[in-house]
Amino acid sequence: MKMSGITFVVYNPPQLGLPYLAVMIAPNGEVVAVPFETPAEAENHNIESAAKTTRYAPASRRE
């Protein structure tokens, strides 16, 4: 999912026992990752973050 120039993605754990990651990648390359136990929790986090990003972005930057 991509909104306001920010890419939102959920990464699967590379091995058993590690968390799913809700990741936000900004156009300038800045990365924010938040761990979750399930992919659904990570996806919900990204959906909520994308909604907030769109809500607070200047009108000229909204897609």
PDB file of N, CA and C in Angstrom:
ATOM      1  N   MET A   1       0.854  -1.156   0.000  1.00  0.00           N
ATOM      2  CA  MET A   1       0.000   0.000   0.000  1.00  0.00           C
ATOM      3  C   MET A   1       0.906   1.226   0.000  1.00  0.00           C
ATOM      4  N   LYS A   2       0.536   2.256  -0.777  1.00  0.00           N
ATOM      5  CA  LYS A   2       1.333   3.466  -0.849  1.00  0.00           C
ATOM      6  C   LYS A   2       0.414   4.671  -0.727  1.00  0.00           C
ATOM      7  N   MET A   3       0.719   5.557   0.213  1.00  0.00           N
ATOM      8  CA  MET A   3      -0.069   6.773   0.417  1.00  0.00           C
ATOM      9  C   MET A   3       0.870   7.911   0.770  1.00  0.00           C
ATOM     10  N   SER A   4       0.571   9.087   0.259  1.00  0.00           N
ATOM     11  CA  SER A   4       1.339  10.290   0.578  1.00  0.00           C
ATOM     12  C   SER A   4       2.831  10.084   0.377  1.00  0.00           C
ATOM     13  N   GLY A   5       3.199   9.262  -0.590  1.00  0.00           N
ATOM     14  CA  GLY A   5       4.607   9.012  -0.850  1.00  0.00           C
ATOM     15  C   GLY A   5       5.243   8.022   0.105  1.00  0.00           C
ATOM     16  N   ILE A   6       4.495   7.553   1.086  1.00  0.00           N
ATOM     17  CA  ILE A   6       5.012   6.584   2.051  1.00  0.00           C
ATOM     18  C   ILE A   6       4.549   5.194   1.634  1.00  0.00           C
ATOM     19  N   THR A   7       5.468   4.244   1.659  1.00  0.00           N
ATOM     20  CA  THR A   7       5.132   2.859   1.345  1.00  0.00           C
ATOM     21  C   THR A   7       4.909   2.107   2.655  1.00  0.00           C
ATOM     22  N   PHE A   8       3.806   1.374   2.722  1.00  0.00           N
ATOM     23  CA  PHE A   8       3.465   0.568   3.896  1.00  0.00           C
ATOM     24  C   PHE A   8       3.517  -0.903   3.481  1.00  0.00           C
ATOM     25  N   VAL A   9       4.216  -1.725   4.258  1.00  0.00           N
ATOM     26  CA  VAL A   9       4.339  -3.140   3.922  1.00  0.00           C
ATOM     27  C   VAL A   9       4.428  -3.963   5.207  1.00  0.00           C
ATOM     28  N   VAL A  10       3.983  -5.222   5.129  1.00  0.00           N
ATOM     29  CA  VAL A  10       4.122  -6.161   6.244  1.00  0.00           C
ATOM     30  C   VAL A  10       5.118  -7.231   5.819  1.00  0.00           C
ATOM     31  N   TYR A  11       6.155  -7.399   6.631  1.00  0.00           N
ATOM     32  CA  TYR A  11       7.163  -8.423   6.357  1.00  0.00           C
ATOM     33  C   TYR A  11       6.929  -9.632   7.248  1.00  0.00           C
ATOM     34  N   ASN A  12       6.998 -10.813   6.639  1.00  0.00           N
ATOM     35  CA  ASN A  12       6.901 -12.059   7.389  1.00  0.00           C
ATOM     36  C   ASN A  12       8.189 -12.280   8.171  1.00  0.00           C
ATOM     37  N   PRO A  13       8.102 -12.969   9.304  1.00  0.00           N
ATOM     38  CA  PRO A  13       9.316 -13.255  10.071  1.00  0.00           C
ATOM     39  C   PRO A  13      10.256 -14.160   9.268  1.00  0.00           C
ATOM     40  N   PRO A  14      11.562 -13.893   9.313  1.00  0.00           N
ATOM     41  CA  PRO A  14      12.504 -14.734   8.575  1.00  0.00           C
ATOM     42  C   PRO A  14      12.714 -16.102   9.215  1.00  0.00           C
ATOM     43  N   GLN A  15      12.344 -16.226  10.493  1.00  0.00           N
ATOM     44  CA  GLN A  15      12.437 -17.528  11.155  1.00  0.00           C
ATOM     45  C   GLN A  15      11.428 -17.596  12.294  1.00  0.00           C
ATOM     46  N   LEU A  16      11.114 -18.796  12.695  1.00  0.00           N
ATOM     47  CA  LEU A  16      10.153 -19.039  13.767  1.00  0.00           C
ATOM     48  C   LEU A  16      10.582 -18.314  15.040  1.00  0.00           C
ATOM     49  N   GLY A  17       9.624 -17.690  15.698  1.00  0.00           N
ATOM     50  CA  GLY A  17       9.906 -17.000  16.949  1.00  0.00           C
ATOM     51  C   GLY A  17      10.141 -15.508  16.798  1.00  0.00           C
ATOM     52  N   LEU A  18      10.305 -15.035  15.563  1.00  0.00           N
ATOM     53  CA  LEU A  18      10.471 -13.601  15.323  1.00  0.00           C
ATOM     54  C   LEU A  18       9.127 -12.994  14.935  1.00  0.00           C
ATOM     55  N   PRO A  19       8.946 -11.686  15.125  1.00  0.00           N
ATOM     56  CA  PRO A  19       7.654 -11.049  14.858  1.00  0.00           C
ATOM     57  C   PRO A  19       7.446 -10.686  13.392  1.00  0.00           C
ATOM     58  N   TYR A  20       6.190 -10.458  13.046  1.00  0.00           N
ATOM     59  CA  TYR A  20       5.849  -9.817  11.776  1.00  0.00           C
ATOM     60  C   TYR A  20       6.194  -8.344  11.953  1.00  0.00           C
ATOM     61  N   LEU A  21       6.588  -7.681  10.878  1.00  0.00           N
ATOM     62  CA  LEU A  21       6.936  -6.268  10.970  1.00  0.00           C
ATOM     63  C   LEU A  21       6.015  -5.427  10.100  1.00  0.00           C
ATOM     64  N   ALA A  22       5.393  -4.432  10.717  1.00  0.00           N
ATOM     65  CA  ALA A  22       4.661  -3.406   9.975  1.00  0.00           C
ATOM     66  C   ALA A  22       5.696  -2.330   9.679  1.00  0.00           C
ATOM     67  N   VAL A  23       5.983  -2.119   8.396  1.00  0.00           N
ATOM     68  CA  VAL A  23       7.064  -1.214   8.005  1.00  0.00           C
ATOM     69  C   VAL A  23       6.508  -0.061   7.190  1.00  0.00           C
ATOM     70  N   MET A  24       6.993   1.138   7.509  1.00  0.00           N
ATOM     71  CA  MET A  24       6.664   2.341   6.749  1.00  0.00           C
ATOM     72  C   MET A  24       7.972   2.891   6.200  1.00  0.00           C
ATOM     73  N   ILE A  25       8.021   3.114   4.879  1.00  0.00           N
ATOM     74  CA  ILE A  25       9.222   3.636   4.234  1.00  0.00           C
ATOM     75  C   ILE A  25       8.879   4.988   3.618  1.00  0.00           C
ATOM     76  N   ALA A  26       9.542   6.035   4.104  1.00  0.00           N
ATOM     77  CA  ALA A  26       9.300   7.396   3.623  1.00  0.00           C
ATOM     78  C   ALA A  26      10.061   7.635   2.319  1.00  0.00           C
ATOM     79  N   PRO A  27       9.637   8.614   1.534  1.00  0.00           N
ATOM     80  CA  PRO A  27      10.320   8.924   0.273  1.00  0.00           C
ATOM     81  C   PRO A  27      11.806   9.260   0.459  1.00  0.00           C
ATOM     82  N   ASN A  28      12.175   9.786   1.632  1.00  0.00           N
ATOM     83  CA  ASN A  28      13.580  10.126   1.880  1.00  0.00           C
ATOM     84  C   ASN A  28      14.401   8.930   2.349  1.00  0.00           C
ATOM     85  N   GLY A  29      13.776   7.743   2.419  1.00  0.00           N
ATOM     86  CA  GLY A  29      14.467   6.524   2.815  1.00  0.00           C
ATOM     87  C   GLY A  29      14.356   6.187   4.291  1.00  0.00           C
ATOM     88  N   GLU A  30      13.759   7.071   5.078  1.00  0.00           N
ATOM     89  CA  GLU A  30      13.576   6.782   6.500  1.00  0.00           C
ATOM     90  C   GLU A  30      12.636   5.591   6.659  1.00  0.00           C
ATOM     91  N   VAL A  31      12.983   4.696   7.587  1.00  0.00           N
ATOM     92  CA  VAL A  31      12.202   3.475   7.804  1.00  0.00           C
ATOM     93  C   VAL A  31      11.752   3.402   9.258  1.00  0.00           C
ATOM     94  N   VAL A  32      10.486   3.036   9.444  1.00  0.00           N
ATOM     95  CA  VAL A  32       9.942   2.778  10.780  1.00  0.00           C
ATOM     96  C   VAL A  32       9.360   1.372  10.744  1.00  0.00           C
ATOM     97  N   ALA A  33       9.756   0.540  11.700  1.00  0.00           N
ATOM     98  CA  ALA A  33       9.246  -0.829  11.770  1.00  0.00           C
ATOM     99  C   ALA A  33       8.687  -1.081  13.167  1.00  0.00           C
ATOM    100  N   VAL A  34       7.504  -1.697  13.218  1.00  0.00           N
ATOM    101  CA  VAL A  34       6.846  -2.007  14.486  1.00  0.00           C
ATOM    102  C   VAL A  34       6.531  -3.505  14.489  1.00  0.00           C
ATOM    103  N   PRO A  35       6.960  -4.240  15.523  1.00  0.00           N
ATOM    104  CA  PRO A  35       6.724  -5.688  15.559  1.00  0.00           C
ATOM    105  C   PRO A  35       5.312  -6.049  16.033  1.00  0.00           C
ATOM    106  N   PHE A  36       4.789  -7.147  15.463  1.00  0.00           N
ATOM    107  CA  PHE A  36       3.475  -7.666  15.851  1.00  0.00           C
ATOM    108  C   PHE A  36       3.509  -9.188  15.844  1.00  0.00           C
ATOM    109  N   GLU A  37       2.609  -9.793  16.618  1.00  0.00           N
ATOM    110  CA  GLU A  37       2.541 -11.254  16.688  1.00  0.00           C
ATOM    111  C   GLU A  37       1.864 -11.874  15.480  1.00  0.00           C
ATOM    112  N   THR A  38       0.940 -11.148  14.849  1.00  0.00           N
ATOM    113  CA  THR A  38       0.215 -11.709  13.705  1.00  0.00           C
ATOM    114  C   THR A  38       0.282 -10.756  12.518  1.00  0.00           C
ATOM    115  N   PRO A  39       0.136 -11.304  11.309  1.00  0.00           N
ATOM    116  CA  PRO A  39       0.125 -10.429  10.135  1.00  0.00           C
ATOM    117  C   PRO A  39      -1.092  -9.501  10.125  1.00  0.00           C
ATOM    118  N   ALA A  40      -2.208  -9.961  10.688  1.00  0.00           N
ATOM    119  CA  ALA A  40      -3.413  -9.126  10.732  1.00  0.00           C
ATOM    120  C   ALA A  40      -3.189  -7.891  11.600  1.00  0.00           C
ATOM    121  N   GLU A  41      -2.527  -8.065  12.737  1.00  0.00           N
ATOM    122  CA  GLU A  41      -2.225  -6.918  13.602  1.00  0.00           C
ATOM    123  C   GLU A  41      -1.311  -5.923  12.883  1.00  0.00           C
ATOM    124  N   ALA A  42      -0.316  -6.439  12.187  1.00  0.00           N
ATOM    125  CA  ALA A  42       0.617  -5.577  11.457  1.00  0.00           C
ATOM    126  C   ALA A  42      -0.102  -4.831  10.336  1.00  0.00           C
ATOM    127  N   GLU A  43      -0.962  -5.530   9.605  1.00  0.00           N
ATOM    128  CA  GLU A  43      -1.715  -4.901   8.516  1.00  0.00           C
ATOM    129  C   GLU A  43      -2.659  -3.828   9.059  1.00  0.00           C
ATOM    130  N   ASN A  44      -3.342  -4.121  10.156  1.00  0.00           N
ATOM    131  CA  ASN A  44      -4.233  -3.119  10.765  1.00  0.00           C
ATOM    132  C   ASN A  44      -3.458  -1.880  11.195  1.00  0.00           C
ATOM    133  N   HIS A  45      -2.276  -2.084  11.743  1.00  0.00           N
ATOM    134  CA  HIS A  45      -1.432  -0.955  12.137  1.00  0.00           C
ATOM    135  C   HIS A  45      -1.105  -0.090  10.917  1.00  0.00           C
ATOM    136  N   ASN A  46      -0.736  -0.726   9.810  1.00  0.00           N
ATOM    137  CA  ASN A  46      -0.404   0.025   8.599  1.00  0.00           C
ATOM    138  C   ASN A  46      -1.620   0.764   8.043  1.00  0.00           C
ATOM    139  N   ILE A  47      -2.773   0.134   8.084  1.00  0.00           N
ATOM    140  CA  ILE A  47      -3.997   0.787   7.595  1.00  0.00           C
ATOM    141  C   ILE A  47      -4.301   2.022   8.440  1.00  0.00           C
ATOM    142  N   GLU A  48      -4.204   1.880   9.760  1.00  0.00           N
ATOM    143  CA  GLU A  48      -4.452   3.023  10.647  1.00  0.00           C
ATOM    144  C   GLU A  48      -3.409   4.118  10.442  1.00  0.00           C
ATOM    145  N   SER A  49      -2.152   3.735  10.270  1.00  0.00           N
ATOM    146  CA  SER A  49      -1.088   4.719  10.044  1.00  0.00           C
ATOM    147  C   SER A  49      -1.285   5.439   8.721  1.00  0.00           C
ATOM    148  N   ALA A  50      -1.676   4.708   7.693  1.00  0.00           N
ATOM    149  CA  ALA A  50      -1.919   5.326   6.384  1.00  0.00           C
ATOM    150  C   ALA A  50      -3.074   6.313   6.468  1.00  0.00           C
ATOM    151  N   ALA A  51      -4.118   5.959   7.208  1.00  0.00           N
ATOM    152  CA  ALA A  51      -5.265   6.859   7.360  1.00  0.00           C
ATOM    153  C   ALA A  51      -4.844   8.139   8.072  1.00  0.00           C
ATOM    154  N   LYS A  52      -4.027   8.023   9.103  1.00  0.00           N
ATOM    155  CA  LYS A  52      -3.540   9.202   9.821  1.00  0.00           C
ATOM    156  C   LYS A  52      -2.648  10.048   8.923  1.00  0.00           C
ATOM    157  N   THR A  53      -1.804   9.406   8.143  1.00  0.00           N
ATOM    158  CA  THR A  53      -0.902  10.122   7.240  1.00  0.00           C
ATOM    159  C   THR A  53      -1.697  10.930   6.233  1.00  0.00           C
ATOM    160  N   THR A  54      -2.734  10.330   5.670  1.00  0.00           N
ATOM    161  CA  THR A  54      -3.568  11.018   4.687  1.00  0.00           C
ATOM    162  C   THR A  54      -4.355  12.140   5.345  1.00  0.00           C
ATOM    163  N   ARG A  55      -4.853  11.889   6.530  1.00  0.00           N
ATOM    164  CA  ARG A  55      -5.665  12.881   7.242  1.00  0.00           C
ATOM    165  C   ARG A  55      -4.850  14.127   7.578  1.00  0.00           C
ATOM    166  N   TYR A  56      -3.573  13.961   7.929  1.00  0.00           N
ATOM    167  CA  TYR A  56      -2.758  15.095   8.358  1.00  0.00           C
ATOM    168  C   TYR A  56      -1.863  15.661   7.268  1.00  0.00           C
ATOM    169  N   ALA A  57      -1.860  15.063   6.095  1.00  0.00           N
ATOM    170  CA  ALA A  57      -1.036  15.580   4.996  1.00  0.00           C
ATOM    171  C   ALA A  57      -1.676  16.843   4.427  1.00  0.00           C
ATOM    172  N   PRO A  58      -0.850  17.788   3.954  1.00  0.00           N
ATOM    173  CA  PRO A  58      -1.419  18.959   3.274  1.00  0.00           C
ATOM    174  C   PRO A  58      -2.257  18.516   2.082  1.00  0.00           C
ATOM    175  N   ALA A  59      -3.306  19.248   1.783  1.00  0.00           N
ATOM    176  CA  ALA A  59      -4.223  18.872   0.699  1.00  0.00           C
ATOM    177  C   ALA A  59      -3.487  18.655  -0.612  1.00  0.00           C
ATOM    178  N   SER A  60      -2.433  19.411  -0.871  1.00  0.00           N
ATOM    179  CA  SER A  60      -1.694  19.268  -2.133  1.00  0.00           C
ATOM    180  C   SER A  60      -0.950  17.949  -2.224  1.00  0.00           C
ATOM    181  N   ARG A  61      -0.706  17.271  -1.086  1.00  0.00           N
ATOM    182  CA  ARG A  61       0.018  16.003  -1.096  1.00  0.00           C
ATOM    183  C   ARG A  61      -0.889  14.793  -1.021  1.00  0.00           C
ATOM    184  N   ARG A  62      -2.170  14.974  -0.813  1.00  0.00           N
ATOM    185  CA  ARG A  62      -3.094  13.837  -0.703  1.00  0.00           C
ATOM    186  C   ARG A  62      -3.302  13.213  -2.063  1.00  0.00           C
ATOM    187  N   GLU A  63      -3.377  11.879  -2.075  1.00  0.00           N
ATOM    188  CA  GLU A  63      -3.613  11.149  -3.326  1.00  0.00           C
ATOM    189  C   GLU A  63      -5.075  10.815  -3.466  1.00  0.00           C
TER     190      GLU A  63
END
